[in-house]
C-alpha atoms as a PDB file:
ATOM      1  CA  MET A   1      97.724 152.302  25.202  1.00  0.00           C
ATOM      2  CA  MET A   2      99.829 155.112  26.622  1.00  0.00           C
ATOM      3  CA  ASN A   3      96.955 157.580  26.191  1.00  0.00           C
ATOM      4  CA  MET A   4      94.609 155.217  28.024  1.00  0.00           C
ATOM      5  CA  MET A   5      97.061 154.926  30.918  1.00  0.00           C
ATOM      6  CA  LYS A   6      97.336 158.702  31.120  1.00  0.00           C
ATOM      7  CA  ALA A   7      93.569 159.056  31.088  1.00  0.00           C
ATOM      8  CA  THR A   8      93.249 156.464  33.855  1.00  0.00           C
ATOM      9  CA  SER A   9      95.843 158.310  35.935  1.00  0.00           C
ATOM     10  CA  ILE A  10      94.008 161.583  35.468  1.00  0.00           C
ATOM     11  CA  LEU A  11      90.713 160.000  36.482  1.00  0.00           C
ATOM     12  CA  ARG A  12      92.306 158.481  39.572  1.00  0.00           C
ATOM     13  CA  ALA A  13      93.875 161.799  40.488  1.00  0.00           C
ATOM     14  CA  GLY A  14      90.553 163.505  39.976  1.00  0.00           C
ATOM     15  CA  GLY A  15      88.898 160.955  42.236  1.00  0.00           C
ATOM     16  CA  ILE A  16      91.455 161.590  44.982  1.00  0.00           C
ATOM     17  CA  LEU A  17      91.052 165.352  44.637  1.00  0.00           C
ATOM     18  CA  GLY A  18      87.291 164.969  44.661  1.00  0.00           C
ATOM     19  CA  LEU A  19      87.454 162.857  47.814  1.00  0.00           C
ATOM     20  CA  ALA A  20      89.705 165.435  49.476  1.00  0.00           C
ATOM     21  CA  ALA A  21      87.304 168.201  48.517  1.00  0.00           C
ATOM     22  CA  LEU A  22      84.387 166.174  49.873  1.00  0.00           C
ATOM     23  CA  CYS A  23      86.198 165.676  53.188  1.00  0.00           C
ATOM     24  CA  THR A  24      86.924 169.395  53.383  1.00  0.00           C
ATOM     25  CA  LEU A  25      83.266 170.225  52.727  1.00  0.00           C
ATOM     26  CA  ALA A  26      82.195 167.733  55.366  1.00  0.00           C
ATOM     27  CA  ALA A  27      84.509 169.323  57.917  1.00  0.00           C
ATOM     28  CA  ALA A  28      83.267 172.778  56.987  1.00  0.00           C
ATOM     29  CA  ASP A  29      79.680 171.587  57.390  1.00  0.00           C
ATOM     30  CA  GLY A  30      80.536 170.398  60.900  1.00  0.00           C
ATOM     31  CA  TRP A  31      81.874 173.834  61.880  1.00  0.00           C
ATOM     32  CA  ALA A  32      79.276 176.219  63.175  1.00  0.00           C
ATOM     33  CA  GLN A  33      80.620 179.412  61.555  1.00  0.00           C
ATOM     34  CA  GLY A  34      79.125 181.328  64.474  1.00  0.00           C
ATOM     35  CA  ALA A  35      75.505 180.458  63.702  1.00  0.00           C
ATOM     36  CA  ALA A  36      74.848 177.310  65.733  1.00  0.00           C
ATOM     37  CA  ALA A  37      76.678 174.954  68.033  1.00  0.00           C
ATOM     38  CA  ALA A  38      79.097 172.540  66.374  1.00  0.00           C
ATOM     39  CA  ARG A  39      78.478 168.805  66.629  1.00  0.00           C
ATOM     40  CA  LEU A  40      80.939 166.896  68.796  1.00  0.00           C
ATOM     41  CA  GLU A  41      81.463 164.121  66.252  1.00  0.00           C
ATOM     42  CA  ALA A  42      82.320 166.667  63.558  1.00  0.00           C
ATOM     43  CA  VAL A  43      85.133 168.401  65.439  1.00  0.00           C
ATOM     44  CA  THR A  44      86.830 165.501  67.246  1.00  0.00           C
ATOM     45  CA  LEU A  45      88.882 162.481  66.241  1.00  0.00           C
ATOM     46  CA  SER A  46      87.059 159.685  64.455  1.00  0.00           C
ATOM     47  CA  GLY A  47      87.702 156.539  62.440  1.00  0.00           C
ATOM     48  CA  ALA A  48      91.288 155.338  62.129  1.00  0.00           C
ATOM     49  CA  ALA A  49      92.646 158.456  63.859  1.00  0.00           C
ATOM     50  CA  ALA A  50      90.548 157.789  66.960  1.00  0.00           C
ATOM     51  CA  GLU A  51      91.509 154.117  66.946  1.00  0.00           C
ATOM     52  CA  ARG A  52      95.196 154.954  66.771  1.00  0.00           C
ATOM     53  CA  ALA A  53      95.020 157.654  69.446  1.00  0.00           C
ATOM     54  CA  LEU A  54      92.717 155.493  71.589  1.00  0.00           C
ATOM     55  CA  THR A  55      90.478 158.486  72.211  1.00  0.00           C
ATOM     56  CA  LYS A  56      87.678 160.394  70.523  1.00  0.00           C
ATOM     57  CA  ALA A  57      87.598 163.289  72.987  1.00  0.00           C
ATOM     58  CA  GLN A  58      90.227 165.382  71.210  1.00  0.00           C
ATOM     59  CA  ILE A  59      89.776 168.259  68.796  1.00  0.00           C
ATOM     60  CA  ASN A  60      90.688 167.193  65.265  1.00  0.00           C
ATOM     61  CA  ALA A  61      93.417 168.872  63.240  1.00  0.00           C
ATOM     62  CA  ALA A  62      91.063 170.539  60.756  1.00  0.00           C
ATOM     63  CA  THR A  63      89.065 172.239  63.510  1.00  0.00           C
ATOM     64  CA  ALA A  64      92.183 173.295  65.415  1.00  0.00           C
ATOM     65  CA  ARG A  65      93.548 174.860  62.227  1.00  0.00           C
ATOM     66  CA  ALA A  66      90.247 176.631  61.563  1.00  0.00           C
ATOM     67  CA  ILE A  67      90.316 178.161  65.057  1.00  0.00           C
ATOM     68  CA  VAL A  68      93.874 179.415  64.589  1.00  0.00           C
ATOM     69  CA  ASP A  69      92.967 180.878  61.193  1.00  0.00           C
ATOM     70  CA  ALA A  70      89.909 182.606  62.676  1.00  0.00           C
ATOM     71  CA  CYS A  71      92.095 184.185  65.364  1.00  0.00           C
ATOM     72  CA  VAL A  72      94.566 185.380  62.721  1.00  0.00           C
ATOM     73  CA  GLU A  73      91.646 186.864  60.771  1.00  0.00           C
ATOM     74  CA  PHE A  74      90.506 188.698  63.924  1.00  0.00           C
ATOM     75  CA  ALA A  75      94.038 189.998  64.445  1.00  0.00           C
ATOM     76  CA  ARG A  76      94.330 191.347  60.913  1.00  0.00           C
ATOM     77  CA  ALA A  77      90.917 192.995  61.117  1.00  0.00           C
ATOM     78  CA  ASN A  78      92.076 194.785  64.270  1.00  0.00           C
ATOM     79  CA  LYS A  79      95.593 195.508  62.956  1.00  0.00           C
ATOM     80  CA  SER A  80      97.089 193.401  65.731  1.00  0.00           C
ATOM     81  CA  SER A  81      99.602 190.594  66.108  1.00  0.00           C
ATOM     82  CA  TYR A  82      99.252 187.493  68.292  1.00  0.00           C
ATOM     83  CA  SER A  83     100.792 184.174  69.182  1.00  0.00           C
ATOM     84  CA  ILE A  84      98.173 181.410  69.106  1.00  0.00           C
ATOM     85  CA  PHE A  85      98.297 177.848  70.442  1.00  0.00           C
ATOM     86  CA  VAL A  86      95.672 175.098  70.388  1.00  0.00           C
ATOM     87  CA  LEU A  87      96.366 172.187  72.744  1.00  0.00           C
ATOM     88  CA  ALA A  88      95.022 168.657  73.003  1.00  0.00           C
ATOM     89  CA  PRO A  89      93.330 167.642  76.282  1.00  0.00           C
ATOM     90  CA  THR A  90      96.607 165.965  77.262  1.00  0.00           C
ATOM     91  CA  GLY A  91      98.587 169.184  76.767  1.00  0.00           C
ATOM     92  CA  GLU A  92     100.354 168.596  73.454  1.00  0.00           C
ATOM     93  CA  THR A  93     100.365 171.362  70.844  1.00  0.00           C
ATOM     94  CA  LEU A  94      98.066 170.502  67.922  1.00  0.00           C
ATOM     95  CA  GLU A  95      98.195 173.797  66.032  1.00  0.00           C
ATOM     96  CA  ALA A  96     100.069 177.056  66.522  1.00  0.00           C
ATOM     97  CA  HIS A  97     100.776 180.254  64.680  1.00  0.00           C
ATOM     98  CA  VAL A  98     103.111 183.105  65.598  1.00  0.00           C
ATOM     99  CA  MET A  99     102.328 186.268  63.669  1.00  0.00           C
ATOM    100  CA  ASP A 100     104.968 188.719  62.518  1.00  0.00           C
ATOM    101  CA  GLY A 101     106.326 191.046  65.173  1.00  0.00           C
ATOM    102  CA  GLN A 102     105.810 188.734  68.125  1.00  0.00           C
ATOM    103  CA  LEU A 103     108.355 188.697  70.939  1.00  0.00           C
ATOM    104  CA  PRO A 104     109.447 185.460  72.634  1.00  0.00           C
ATOM    105  CA  ILE A 105     107.464 186.390  75.748  1.00  0.00           C
ATOM    106  CA  GLY A 106     104.254 186.563  73.703  1.00  0.00           C
ATOM    107  CA  VAL A 107     104.848 183.046  72.407  1.00  0.00           C
ATOM    108  CA  GLU A 108     105.563 181.633  75.852  1.00  0.00           C
ATOM    109  CA  THR A 109     102.613 183.320  77.543  1.00  0.00           C
ATOM    110  CA  ALA A 110     100.236 182.085  74.831  1.00  0.00           C
ATOM    111  CA  GLN A 111     101.294 178.540  75.674  1.00  0.00           C
ATOM    112  CA  LEU A 112     100.959 179.170  79.415  1.00  0.00           C
ATOM    113  CA  LYS A 113      97.465 180.574  78.995  1.00  0.00           C
ATOM    114  CA  ALA A 114      96.357 177.522  76.992  1.00  0.00           C
ATOM    115  CA  LYS A 115      97.844 175.242  79.660  1.00  0.00           C
ATOM    116  CA  THR A 116      96.086 177.186  82.413  1.00  0.00           C
ATOM    117  CA  ALA A 117      92.701 176.888  80.686  1.00  0.00           C
ATOM    118  CA  LEU A 118      93.315 173.171  80.215  1.00  0.00           C
ATOM    119  CA  TYR A 119      94.395 172.649  83.810  1.00  0.00           C
ATOM    120  CA  ALA A 120      91.672 174.749  85.450  1.00  0.00           C
ATOM    121  CA  ARG A 121      88.900 173.920  82.930  1.00  0.00           C
ATOM    122  CA  THR A 122      88.059 177.621  82.893  1.00  0.00           C
ATOM    123  CA  PRO A 123      89.282 180.841  81.226  1.00  0.00           C
ATOM    124  CA  SER A 124      92.678 181.976  82.463  1.00  0.00           C
ATOM    125  CA  SER A 125      91.096 185.362  83.241  1.00  0.00           C
ATOM    126  CA  ALA A 126      88.702 183.608  85.668  1.00  0.00           C
ATOM    127  CA  VAL A 127      91.717 181.994  87.330  1.00  0.00           C
ATOM    128  CA  ALA A 128      93.295 185.437  87.650  1.00  0.00           C
ATOM    129  CA  GLN A 129      90.144 186.820  89.252  1.00  0.00           C
ATOM    130  CA  ARG A 130      89.692 183.878  91.591  1.00  0.00           C
ATOM    131  CA  PHE A 131      93.252 184.096  92.871  1.00  0.00           C
ATOM    132  CA  SER A 132      93.735 187.841  92.885  1.00  0.00           C
ATOM    133  CA  THR A 133      96.118 188.214  95.839  1.00  0.00           C
ATOM    134  CA  VAL A 134      99.880 187.805  95.737  1.00  0.00           C
ATOM    135  CA  ASP A 135      99.789 185.036  98.347  1.00  0.00           C
ATOM    136  CA  GLY A 136      96.990 183.222  96.540  1.00  0.00           C
ATOM    137  CA  ARG A 137      99.017 183.186  93.342  1.00  0.00           C
ATOM    138  CA  LEU A 138     102.390 182.359  94.846  1.00  0.00           C
ATOM    139  CA  ILE A 139     101.198 179.099  96.381  1.00  0.00           C
ATOM    140  CA  ARG A 140      99.841 178.012  92.983  1.00  0.00           C
ATOM    141  CA  LEU A 141     102.674 178.967  90.660  1.00  0.00           C
ATOM    142  CA  ASP A 142     104.174 175.464  90.671  1.00  0.00           C
ATOM    143  CA  LEU A 143     100.902 173.581  90.324  1.00  0.00           C
ATOM    144  CA  GLY A 144     100.543 171.426  87.233  1.00  0.00           C
ATOM    145  CA  GLN A 145     104.159 171.683  86.124  1.00  0.00           C
ATOM    146  CA  GLU A 146     104.845 167.972  86.598  1.00  0.00           C
ATOM    147  CA  ARG A 147     102.136 167.318  83.999  1.00  0.00           C
ATOM    148  CA  GLY A 148     103.303 170.073  81.676  1.00  0.00           C
ATOM    149  CA  LEU A 149     100.399 172.331  82.642  1.00  0.00           C
ATOM    150  CA  ALA A 150     100.422 175.664  84.451  1.00  0.00           C
ATOM    151  CA  TYR A 151      98.722 178.407  86.397  1.00  0.00           C
ATOM    152  CA  TYR A 152      99.249 181.718  84.613  1.00  0.00           C
ATOM    153  CA  PHE A 153      97.171 184.621  85.861  1.00  0.00           C
ATOM    154  CA  VAL A 154      96.446 186.611  82.692  1.00  0.00           C
ATOM    155  CA  GLY A 155      93.455 186.492  80.321  1.00  0.00           C
ATOM    156  CA  GLY A 156      93.822 184.896  76.902  1.00  0.00           C
ATOM    157  CA  GLY A 157      93.386 181.178  77.594  1.00  0.00           C
ATOM    158  CA  LEU A 158      90.045 179.409  77.047  1.00  0.00           C
ATOM    159  CA  PRO A 159      88.995 175.769  77.327  1.00  0.00           C
ATOM    160  CA  ILE A 160      87.480 174.326  74.146  1.00  0.00           C
ATOM    161  CA  VAL A 161      84.237 172.622  75.129  1.00  0.00           C
ATOM    162  CA  VAL A 162      81.697 171.035  72.765  1.00  0.00           C
ATOM    163  CA  GLU A 163      78.519 169.313  73.989  1.00  0.00           C
ATOM    164  CA  GLY A 164      79.820 169.457  77.552  1.00  0.00           C
ATOM    165  CA  GLN A 165      83.099 167.732  76.655  1.00  0.00           C
ATOM    166  CA  LEU A 166      86.572 169.290  76.969  1.00  0.00           C
ATOM    167  CA  ILE A 167      88.336 168.623  73.649  1.00  0.00           C
ATOM    168  CA  GLY A 168      91.284 171.024  73.972  1.00  0.00           C
ATOM    169  CA  SER A 169      92.204 174.601  74.829  1.00  0.00           C
ATOM    170  CA  ILE A 170      93.399 177.774  73.134  1.00  0.00           C
ATOM    171  CA  GLY A 171      95.901 180.330  74.363  1.00  0.00           C
ATOM    172  CA  VAL A 172      96.547 183.727  72.780  1.00  0.00           C
ATOM    173  CA  GLY A 173      99.335 186.076  73.806  1.00  0.00           C
ATOM    174  CA  GLY A 174     101.400 189.017  72.681  1.00  0.00           C
ATOM    175  CA  GLY A 175      98.582 191.476  71.971  1.00  0.00           C
ATOM    176  CA  ASN A 176      96.103 193.727  73.731  1.00  0.00           C
ATOM    177  CA  MET A 177      92.893 191.781  72.977  1.00  0.00           C
ATOM    178  CA  ASP A 178      94.159 188.253  73.585  1.00  0.00           C
ATOM    179  CA  GLU A 179      91.034 186.873  75.202  1.00  0.00           C
ATOM    180  CA  GLN A 180      88.752 188.433  72.604  1.00  0.00           C
ATOM    181  CA  CYS A 181      90.833 186.926  69.800  1.00  0.00           C
ATOM    182  CA  ALA A 182      90.432 183.459  71.320  1.00  0.00           C
ATOM    183  CA  TYR A 183      86.749 183.995  72.093  1.00  0.00           C
ATOM    184  CA  GLN A 184      85.797 185.301  68.652  1.00  0.00           C
ATOM    185  CA  ALA A 185      87.707 182.462  66.973  1.00  0.00           C
ATOM    186  CA  LEU A 186      85.876 179.818  69.019  1.00  0.00           C
ATOM    187  CA  THR A 187      82.551 181.515  68.333  1.00  0.00           C
ATOM    188  CA  LYS A 188      83.160 181.618  64.594  1.00  0.00           C
ATOM    189  CA  VAL A 189      84.211 177.984  64.303  1.00  0.00           C
ATOM    190  CA  LEU A 190      82.229 176.257  67.067  1.00  0.00           C
ATOM    191  CA  GLY A 191      79.222 178.494  67.553  1.00  0.00           C
ATOM    192  CA  PRO A 192      77.995 180.456  70.606  1.00  0.00           C
ATOM    193  CA  GLN A 193      80.310 180.342  73.619  1.00  0.00           C
ATOM    194  CA  PRO A 194      79.670 180.904  77.347  1.00  0.00           C
ATOM    195  CA  PRO A 195      80.025 184.554  78.395  1.00  0.00           C
ATOM    196  CA  LEU A 196      83.532 185.647  79.301  1.00  0.00           C
ATOM    197  CA  PRO A 197      84.304 186.597  82.918  1.00  0.00           C
ATOM    198  CA  GLU A 198      83.361 190.177  83.643  1.00  0.00           C
ATOM    199  CA  ALA A 199      86.313 192.523  84.029  1.00  0.00           C
ATOM    200  CA  GLN A 200      86.967 193.499  87.618  1.00  0.00           C
ATOM    201  CA  PRO A 201      87.161 197.146  88.724  1.00  0.00           C
ATOM    202  CA  ALA A 202      90.579 198.782  88.831  1.00  0.00           C
ATOM    203  CA  GLY A 203      92.582 197.433  91.732  1.00  0.00           C
ATOM    204  CA  GLY A 204      91.006 193.990  91.572  1.00  0.00           C
ATOM    205  CA  GLY A 205      92.459 190.775  90.201  1.00  0.00           C
ATOM    206  CA  ARG A 206      93.979 190.941  86.755  1.00  0.00           C
ATOM    207  CA  GLY A 207      92.479 189.446  83.635  1.00  0.00           C
ATOM    208  CA  GLY A 208      89.089 190.035  82.102  1.00  0.00           C
ATOM    209  CA  ARG A 209      87.231 190.475  78.881  1.00  0.00           C
ATOM    210  CA  GLY A 210      89.986 191.969  76.825  1.00  0.00           C
ATOM    211  CA  GLY A 211      92.922 190.121  78.334  1.00  0.00           C
ATOM    212  CA  GLN A 212      96.222 191.961  78.831  1.00  0.00           C
ATOM    213  CA  PRO A 213      99.341 192.409  76.765  1.00  0.00           C
ATOM    214  CA  GLN A 214     101.497 189.286  76.948  1.00  0.00           C
END
């Protein structure tokens, strides 16, 4: 009798593990891995999670984690260190990772870049280029703060858009290729992304394809 109970427990455990593995494979199948565009239903909330959150237009935890991991992989391949944040459309942090050697300013600016991309619905480097004068930036520094968002005029923040829907944002700080880290991570997990803003000539607004330190 005892042996039968043990066998039943093992079978049940195996069924749970098998179900978990199946869910993981399904999520992986929904990710583009750089080849084709991801499907909206595969990378956003669904089922009970969507019912509880009362929204489907939010990046799911598995996809947010995959994006962070892809950025970390990019960092290691380039012998770099970054702070990485993925935010929900409402501004809350869904996933984050601070690599070894990061300073507090790198962590804070990563968050600000993600908030800027969320607020402006555009790369933070495009915001920096659009408002390239001191006066143009000063009058916008306080915008969004009441909603926990921000205007931060440095590259490294990108909106996360799938099938024309904003489902979150990513901010990367603390390195010298912040924007590229974010861009390559989104491309790997979600498929082809819109071109990044072209870097301006020296003396123009800050930001651009490679981002800036911090």
